[in-house]
Amino acid sequence: MLDTKSKLVLNILSKECAGGTYKIIECSDIIMSMPKNYRVDFDGIKHILNHLERLDMISIKYDDDEVFCLAIMPNGFEELEQNNKLSGKKIKSKCNKITYIFILIIGVFITSFLGCLFAFFIINLIK
């Protein structure tokens, strides 16, 4: 299981290293691509990259000061795919809830209207 910062870094790397090829990336590019509330320094990025490499999500060919040559491994792409599926399910479940509530409101309105109409006809038949 990855924390939020690791997922963000993996997502940034997937955009940089398309197709699983090795690419030279500077730490400053990764830091600037992260949202402001999740930004970390060089040591934090290095720690996250080493963590991702231990999980076999990325492969680091070499690192020199603040420059890394790395590629995303199949486990990394699988993790990104699972995250995309989960976010898609959240959106779908929210849409399903809204649709359910909308149908429920319309059903209640139609039922109450028919009940009033039925009561009106019964009262007029009794008179």
N, C-alpha and C. Protein backbone atom coordinates (compact mmCIF):
# COMPACT_ATOMS: atom_id res chain seq x y z
N MET A 1 0.84 -1.17 0.00
CA MET A 1 0.00 0.00 0.00
C MET A 1 0.89 1.24 0.00
N LEU A 2 0.58 2.14 -0.87
CA LEU A 2 1.37 3.36 -0.99
C LEU A 2 0.69 4.52 -0.29
N ASP A 3 1.51 5.41 0.26
CA ASP A 3 0.95 6.63 0.83
C ASP A 3 0.67 7.62 -0.30
N THR A 4 0.05 8.73 0.05
CA THR A 4 -0.38 9.71 -0.95
C THR A 4 0.79 10.30 -1.71
N LYS A 5 1.86 10.65 -1.02
CA LYS A 5 3.01 11.25 -1.69
C LYS A 5 3.65 10.28 -2.67
N SER A 6 3.74 9.02 -2.29
CA SER A 6 4.32 8.02 -3.19
C SER A 6 3.45 7.83 -4.42
N LYS A 7 2.14 7.84 -4.25
CA LYS A 7 1.23 7.72 -5.39
C LYS A 7 1.37 8.91 -6.32
N LEU A 8 1.51 10.11 -5.73
CA LEU A 8 1.69 11.30 -6.56
C LEU A 8 2.99 11.23 -7.36
N VAL A 9 4.07 10.82 -6.71
CA VAL A 9 5.35 10.71 -7.40
C VAL A 9 5.27 9.67 -8.50
N LEU A 10 4.65 8.53 -8.23
CA LEU A 10 4.50 7.48 -9.24
C LEU A 10 3.68 7.97 -10.42
N ASN A 11 2.65 8.74 -10.14
CA ASN A 11 1.82 9.30 -11.20
C ASN A 11 2.62 10.29 -12.05
N ILE A 12 3.42 11.12 -11.41
CA ILE A 12 4.26 12.08 -12.14
C ILE A 12 5.27 11.32 -13.01
N LEU A 13 5.87 10.29 -12.45
CA LEU A 13 6.85 9.51 -13.20
C LEU A 13 6.21 8.79 -14.39
N SER A 14 4.96 8.36 -14.24
CA SER A 14 4.30 7.67 -15.34
C SER A 14 4.10 8.60 -16.53
N LYS A 15 3.88 9.88 -16.25
CA LYS A 15 3.74 10.85 -17.34
C LYS A 15 5.09 11.13 -18.00
N GLU A 16 6.16 11.09 -17.22
CA GLU A 16 7.50 11.36 -17.75
C GLU A 16 8.07 10.15 -18.48
N CYS A 17 7.86 8.97 -17.94
CA CYS A 17 8.46 7.74 -18.49
C CYS A 17 7.40 6.90 -19.17
N ALA A 18 6.83 7.40 -20.22
CA ALA A 18 5.78 6.66 -20.92
C ALA A 18 6.36 5.41 -21.58
N GLY A 19 5.63 4.34 -21.53
CA GLY A 19 6.04 3.11 -22.20
C GLY A 19 7.06 2.28 -21.46
N GLY A 20 7.38 2.63 -20.22
CA GLY A 20 8.32 1.85 -19.44
C GLY A 20 9.77 2.01 -19.85
N THR A 21 10.10 3.07 -20.59
CA THR A 21 11.48 3.30 -20.99
C THR A 21 12.21 4.12 -19.93
N TYR A 22 13.52 3.97 -19.90
CA TYR A 22 14.34 4.74 -18.96
C TYR A 22 14.41 6.19 -19.42
N LYS A 23 14.33 7.07 -18.46
CA LYS A 23 14.41 8.49 -18.77
C LYS A 23 15.14 9.21 -17.65
N ILE A 24 15.89 10.23 -18.01
CA ILE A 24 16.62 11.02 -17.02
C ILE A 24 15.68 12.12 -16.51
N ILE A 25 15.51 12.13 -15.19
CA ILE A 25 14.59 13.08 -14.55
C ILE A 25 15.31 13.78 -13.41
N GLU A 26 15.11 15.08 -13.34
CA GLU A 26 15.69 15.85 -12.25
C GLU A 26 14.69 15.92 -11.09
N CYS A 27 15.22 15.91 -9.88
CA CYS A 27 14.36 15.98 -8.70
C CYS A 27 13.54 17.27 -8.67
N SER A 28 14.13 18.35 -9.15
CA SER A 28 13.41 19.63 -9.13
C SER A 28 12.15 19.56 -9.99
N ASP A 29 12.19 18.79 -11.10
CA ASP A 29 11.00 18.63 -11.94
C ASP A 29 9.90 17.89 -11.19
N ILE A 30 10.29 16.85 -10.44
CA ILE A 30 9.30 16.09 -9.66
C ILE A 30 8.71 16.97 -8.56
N ILE A 31 9.58 17.72 -7.87
CA ILE A 31 9.12 18.58 -6.78
C ILE A 31 8.16 19.64 -7.29
N MET A 32 8.48 20.24 -8.43
CA MET A 32 7.61 21.30 -8.98
C MET A 32 6.30 20.74 -9.52
N SER A 33 6.26 19.47 -9.90
CA SER A 33 5.03 18.86 -10.42
C SER A 33 4.06 18.45 -9.33
N MET A 34 4.56 18.35 -8.11
CA MET A 34 3.69 17.93 -7.01
C MET A 34 2.83 19.09 -6.53
N PRO A 35 1.63 18.80 -6.02
CA PRO A 35 0.79 19.86 -5.44
C PRO A 35 1.51 20.54 -4.27
N LYS A 36 1.20 21.79 -4.04
CA LYS A 36 1.92 22.57 -3.03
C LYS A 36 1.84 21.97 -1.64
N ASN A 37 0.70 21.43 -1.27
CA ASN A 37 0.56 20.89 0.08
C ASN A 37 1.24 19.53 0.27
N TYR A 38 1.76 18.94 -0.82
CA TYR A 38 2.46 17.66 -0.72
C TYR A 38 3.93 17.76 -1.10
N ARG A 39 4.42 18.94 -1.34
CA ARG A 39 5.81 19.10 -1.78
C ARG A 39 6.79 18.68 -0.70
N VAL A 40 7.86 18.05 -1.13
CA VAL A 40 8.93 17.63 -0.24
C VAL A 40 10.25 18.12 -0.82
N ASP A 41 11.30 18.00 -0.04
CA ASP A 41 12.62 18.41 -0.51
C ASP A 41 13.31 17.26 -1.23
N PHE A 42 14.57 17.48 -1.59
CA PHE A 42 15.34 16.47 -2.34
C PHE A 42 15.46 15.16 -1.57
N ASP A 43 15.71 15.25 -0.27
CA ASP A 43 15.85 14.03 0.53
C ASP A 43 14.54 13.24 0.58
N GLY A 44 13.43 13.96 0.65
CA GLY A 44 12.13 13.29 0.65
C GLY A 44 11.86 12.57 -0.66
N ILE A 45 12.19 13.22 -1.78
CA ILE A 45 12.01 12.59 -3.09
C ILE A 45 12.91 11.37 -3.22
N LYS A 46 14.14 11.50 -2.76
CA LYS A 46 15.08 10.36 -2.83
C LYS A 46 14.56 9.20 -2.00
N HIS A 47 14.01 9.50 -0.83
CA HIS A 47 13.44 8.45 0.03
C HIS A 47 12.25 7.78 -0.66
N ILE A 48 11.37 8.58 -1.26
CA ILE A 48 10.20 8.02 -1.95
C ILE A 48 10.63 7.16 -3.13
N LEU A 49 11.60 7.64 -3.90
CA LEU A 49 12.08 6.86 -5.05
C LEU A 49 12.71 5.54 -4.61
N ASN A 50 13.47 5.57 -3.54
CA ASN A 50 14.06 4.33 -3.02
C ASN A 50 12.98 3.37 -2.52
N HIS A 51 11.94 3.92 -1.89
CA HIS A 51 10.82 3.10 -1.43
C HIS A 51 10.11 2.45 -2.62
N LEU A 52 9.86 3.23 -3.67
CA LEU A 52 9.21 2.68 -4.86
C LEU A 52 10.07 1.62 -5.53
N GLU A 53 11.39 1.80 -5.48
CA GLU A 53 12.28 0.80 -6.08
C GLU A 53 12.27 -0.49 -5.26
N ARG A 54 12.21 -0.38 -3.94
CA ARG A 54 12.14 -1.59 -3.11
C ARG A 54 10.86 -2.37 -3.35
N LEU A 55 9.78 -1.66 -3.70
CA LEU A 55 8.51 -2.32 -4.00
C LEU A 55 8.43 -2.80 -5.45
N ASP A 56 9.52 -2.67 -6.20
CA ASP A 56 9.60 -3.06 -7.61
C ASP A 56 8.59 -2.32 -8.48
N MET A 57 8.31 -1.08 -8.13
CA MET A 57 7.42 -0.27 -8.95
C MET A 57 8.21 0.58 -9.95
N ILE A 58 9.45 0.91 -9.60
CA ILE A 58 10.33 1.62 -10.53
C ILE A 58 11.70 0.94 -10.51
N SER A 59 12.48 1.22 -11.52
CA SER A 59 13.85 0.75 -11.58
C SER A 59 14.75 1.96 -11.75
N ILE A 60 15.70 2.13 -10.85
CA ILE A 60 16.64 3.24 -10.93
C ILE A 60 17.95 2.69 -11.49
N LYS A 61 18.32 3.18 -12.66
CA LYS A 61 19.56 2.75 -13.28
C LYS A 61 20.74 3.42 -12.59
N TYR A 62 20.64 4.72 -12.40
CA TYR A 62 21.67 5.44 -11.64
C TYR A 62 21.09 6.74 -11.11
N ASP A 63 21.75 7.27 -10.07
CA ASP A 63 21.39 8.58 -9.56
C ASP A 63 22.67 9.37 -9.32
N ASP A 64 22.65 10.61 -9.76
CA ASP A 64 23.81 11.48 -9.65
C ASP A 64 23.34 12.83 -9.13
N ASP A 65 23.68 13.13 -7.89
CA ASP A 65 23.23 14.34 -7.20
C ASP A 65 21.71 14.42 -7.24
N GLU A 66 21.16 15.32 -8.04
CA GLU A 66 19.71 15.48 -8.08
C GLU A 66 19.11 15.00 -9.41
N VAL A 67 19.80 14.08 -10.07
CA VAL A 67 19.35 13.55 -11.36
C VAL A 67 19.25 12.03 -11.26
N PHE A 68 18.13 11.50 -11.74
CA PHE A 68 17.88 10.06 -11.70
C PHE A 68 17.61 9.57 -13.11
N CYS A 69 18.07 8.39 -13.41
CA CYS A 69 17.70 7.69 -14.63
C CYS A 69 16.84 6.51 -14.19
N LEU A 70 15.58 6.55 -14.53
CA LEU A 70 14.67 5.52 -14.02
C LEU A 70 13.60 5.17 -15.03
N ALA A 71 12.93 4.07 -14.75
CA ALA A 71 11.81 3.59 -15.56
C ALA A 71 10.77 2.98 -14.63
N ILE A 72 9.54 2.99 -15.07
CA ILE A 72 8.46 2.39 -14.28
C ILE A 72 8.35 0.92 -14.67
N MET A 73 8.26 0.08 -13.67
CA MET A 73 8.15 -1.36 -13.86
C MET A 73 6.66 -1.75 -13.96
N PRO A 74 6.38 -2.98 -14.37
CA PRO A 74 4.98 -3.42 -14.48
C PRO A 74 4.18 -3.28 -13.18
N ASN A 75 4.83 -3.51 -12.02
CA ASN A 75 4.12 -3.35 -10.74
C ASN A 75 3.66 -1.90 -10.55
N GLY A 76 4.47 -0.96 -11.01
CA GLY A 76 4.11 0.45 -10.90
C GLY A 76 2.91 0.78 -11.78
N PHE A 77 2.91 0.27 -13.01
CA PHE A 77 1.77 0.49 -13.89
C PHE A 77 0.52 -0.17 -13.35
N GLU A 78 0.67 -1.33 -12.73
CA GLU A 78 -0.47 -2.03 -12.14
C GLU A 78 -1.06 -1.21 -10.98
N GLU A 79 -0.19 -0.64 -10.16
CA GLU A 79 -0.65 0.19 -9.04
C GLU A 79 -1.40 1.42 -9.56
N LEU A 80 -0.87 2.05 -10.59
CA LEU A 80 -1.55 3.21 -11.18
C LEU A 80 -2.91 2.83 -11.75
N GLU A 81 -2.98 1.67 -12.38
CA GLU A 81 -4.24 1.20 -12.96
C GLU A 81 -5.27 0.94 -11.87
N GLN A 82 -4.84 0.34 -10.76
CA GLN A 82 -5.76 0.09 -9.65
C GLN A 82 -6.26 1.39 -9.05
N ASN A 83 -5.39 2.39 -8.92
CA ASN A 83 -5.80 3.68 -8.39
C ASN A 83 -6.82 4.35 -9.31
N ASN A 84 -6.62 4.23 -10.62
CA ASN A 84 -7.56 4.81 -11.57
C ASN A 84 -8.91 4.10 -11.51
N LYS A 85 -8.90 2.78 -11.33
CA LYS A 85 -10.15 2.04 -11.21
C LYS A 85 -10.91 2.44 -9.95
N LEU A 86 -10.18 2.61 -8.84
CA LEU A 86 -10.83 2.99 -7.59
C LEU A 86 -11.44 4.38 -7.68
N SER A 87 -10.75 5.32 -8.29
CA SER A 87 -11.30 6.66 -8.41
C SER A 87 -12.50 6.65 -9.35
N GLY A 88 -12.47 5.80 -10.38
CA GLY A 88 -13.62 5.66 -11.27
C GLY A 88 -14.82 5.08 -10.56
N LYS A 89 -14.60 4.11 -9.66
CA LYS A 89 -15.70 3.52 -8.90
C LYS A 89 -16.32 4.55 -7.96
N LYS A 90 -15.51 5.41 -7.36
CA LYS A 90 -16.05 6.43 -6.47
C LYS A 90 -16.97 7.36 -7.23
N ILE A 91 -16.57 7.76 -8.43
CA ILE A 91 -17.40 8.65 -9.24
C ILE A 91 -18.68 7.94 -9.65
N LYS A 92 -18.57 6.67 -10.06
CA LYS A 92 -19.75 5.93 -10.47
C LYS A 92 -20.71 5.74 -9.30
N SER A 93 -20.19 5.43 -8.11
CA SER A 93 -21.07 5.22 -6.98
C SER A 93 -21.76 6.52 -6.58
N LYS A 94 -21.08 7.65 -6.72
CA LYS A 94 -21.70 8.93 -6.41
C LYS A 94 -22.81 9.22 -7.41
N CYS A 95 -22.57 8.93 -8.71
CA CYS A 95 -23.60 9.11 -9.73
C CYS A 95 -24.78 8.19 -9.47
N ASN A 96 -24.50 6.95 -9.06
CA ASN A 96 -25.58 6.02 -8.77
C ASN A 96 -26.42 6.50 -7.61
N LYS A 97 -25.81 7.08 -6.59
CA LYS A 97 -26.57 7.60 -5.45
C LYS A 97 -27.45 8.76 -5.87
N ILE A 98 -26.93 9.66 -6.68
CA ILE A 98 -27.71 10.80 -7.14
C ILE A 98 -28.87 10.33 -8.00
N THR A 99 -28.63 9.37 -8.88
CA THR A 99 -29.69 8.82 -9.72
C THR A 99 -30.76 8.15 -8.86
N TYR A 100 -30.35 7.41 -7.86
CA TYR A 100 -31.29 6.73 -6.99
C TYR A 100 -32.16 7.74 -6.24
N ILE A 101 -31.55 8.78 -5.72
CA ILE A 101 -32.32 9.81 -5.00
C ILE A 101 -33.30 10.52 -5.93
N PHE A 102 -32.86 10.82 -7.16
CA PHE A 102 -33.72 11.47 -8.13
C PHE A 102 -34.93 10.60 -8.47
N ILE A 103 -34.69 9.32 -8.72
CA ILE A 103 -35.79 8.40 -9.03
C ILE A 103 -36.71 8.26 -7.83
N LEU A 104 -36.16 8.23 -6.63
CA LEU A 104 -36.98 8.13 -5.42
C LEU A 104 -37.89 9.33 -5.26
N ILE A 105 -37.37 10.52 -5.48
CA ILE A 105 -38.18 11.74 -5.36
C ILE A 105 -39.30 11.76 -6.39
N ILE A 106 -38.98 11.40 -7.63
CA ILE A 106 -40.02 11.37 -8.67
C ILE A 106 -41.06 10.30 -8.35
N GLY A 107 -40.63 9.15 -7.86
CA GLY A 107 -41.57 8.10 -7.49
C GLY A 107 -42.50 8.53 -6.36
N VAL A 108 -41.96 9.20 -5.36
CA VAL A 108 -42.79 9.68 -4.25
C VAL A 108 -43.79 10.71 -4.76
N PHE A 109 -43.35 11.62 -5.63
CA PHE A 109 -44.24 12.64 -6.18
C PHE A 109 -45.38 12.01 -6.98
N ILE A 110 -45.07 11.06 -7.85
CA ILE A 110 -46.10 10.41 -8.67
C ILE A 110 -47.06 9.62 -7.79
N THR A 111 -46.54 8.91 -6.80
CA THR A 111 -47.39 8.14 -5.90
C THR A 111 -48.33 9.04 -5.11
N SER A 112 -47.82 10.14 -4.59
CA SER A 112 -48.69 11.05 -3.83
C SER A 112 -49.73 11.69 -4.74
N PHE A 113 -49.36 12.02 -5.97
CA PHE A 113 -50.32 12.60 -6.91
C PHE A 113 -51.44 11.61 -7.23
N LEU A 114 -51.06 10.36 -7.48
CA LEU A 114 -52.07 9.34 -7.78
C LEU A 114 -52.97 9.08 -6.56
N GLY A 115 -52.38 9.12 -5.36
CA GLY A 115 -53.18 8.94 -4.15
C GLY A 115 -54.20 10.04 -3.98
N CYS A 116 -53.81 11.28 -4.22
CA CYS A 116 -54.74 12.42 -4.13
C CYS A 116 -55.82 12.30 -5.19
N LEU A 117 -55.47 11.91 -6.42
CA LEU A 117 -56.42 11.76 -7.50
C LEU A 117 -57.42 10.65 -7.18
N PHE A 118 -56.93 9.55 -6.64
CA PHE A 118 -57.80 8.43 -6.25
C PHE A 118 -58.76 8.87 -5.14
N ALA A 119 -58.26 9.60 -4.15
CA ALA A 119 -59.12 10.10 -3.07
C ALA A 119 -60.17 11.05 -3.61
N PHE A 120 -59.82 11.90 -4.57
CA PHE A 120 -60.77 12.84 -5.17
C PHE A 120 -61.91 12.10 -5.86
N PHE A 121 -61.58 11.05 -6.63
CA PHE A 121 -62.62 10.29 -7.31
C PHE A 121 -63.51 9.54 -6.33
N ILE A 122 -62.96 9.02 -5.27
CA ILE A 122 -63.76 8.30 -4.27
C ILE A 122 -64.72 9.26 -3.57
N ILE A 123 -64.23 10.43 -3.23
CA ILE A 123 -65.11 11.43 -2.57
C ILE A 123 -66.22 11.86 -3.50
N ASN A 124 -65.93 12.03 -4.79
CA ASN A 124 -66.97 12.43 -5.74
C ASN A 124 -67.96 11.30 -6.01
N LEU A 125 -67.57 10.05 -5.90
CA LEU A 125 -68.49 8.93 -6.08
C LEU A 125 -69.43 8.81 -4.89
N ILE A 126 -68.97 9.14 -3.70
CA ILE A 126 -69.79 9.02 -2.50
C ILE A 126 -70.86 10.10 -2.50
N LYS A 127 -70.59 11.27 -3.00
CA LYS A 127 -71.56 12.36 -3.00
C LYS A 127 -72.65 12.11 -3.95
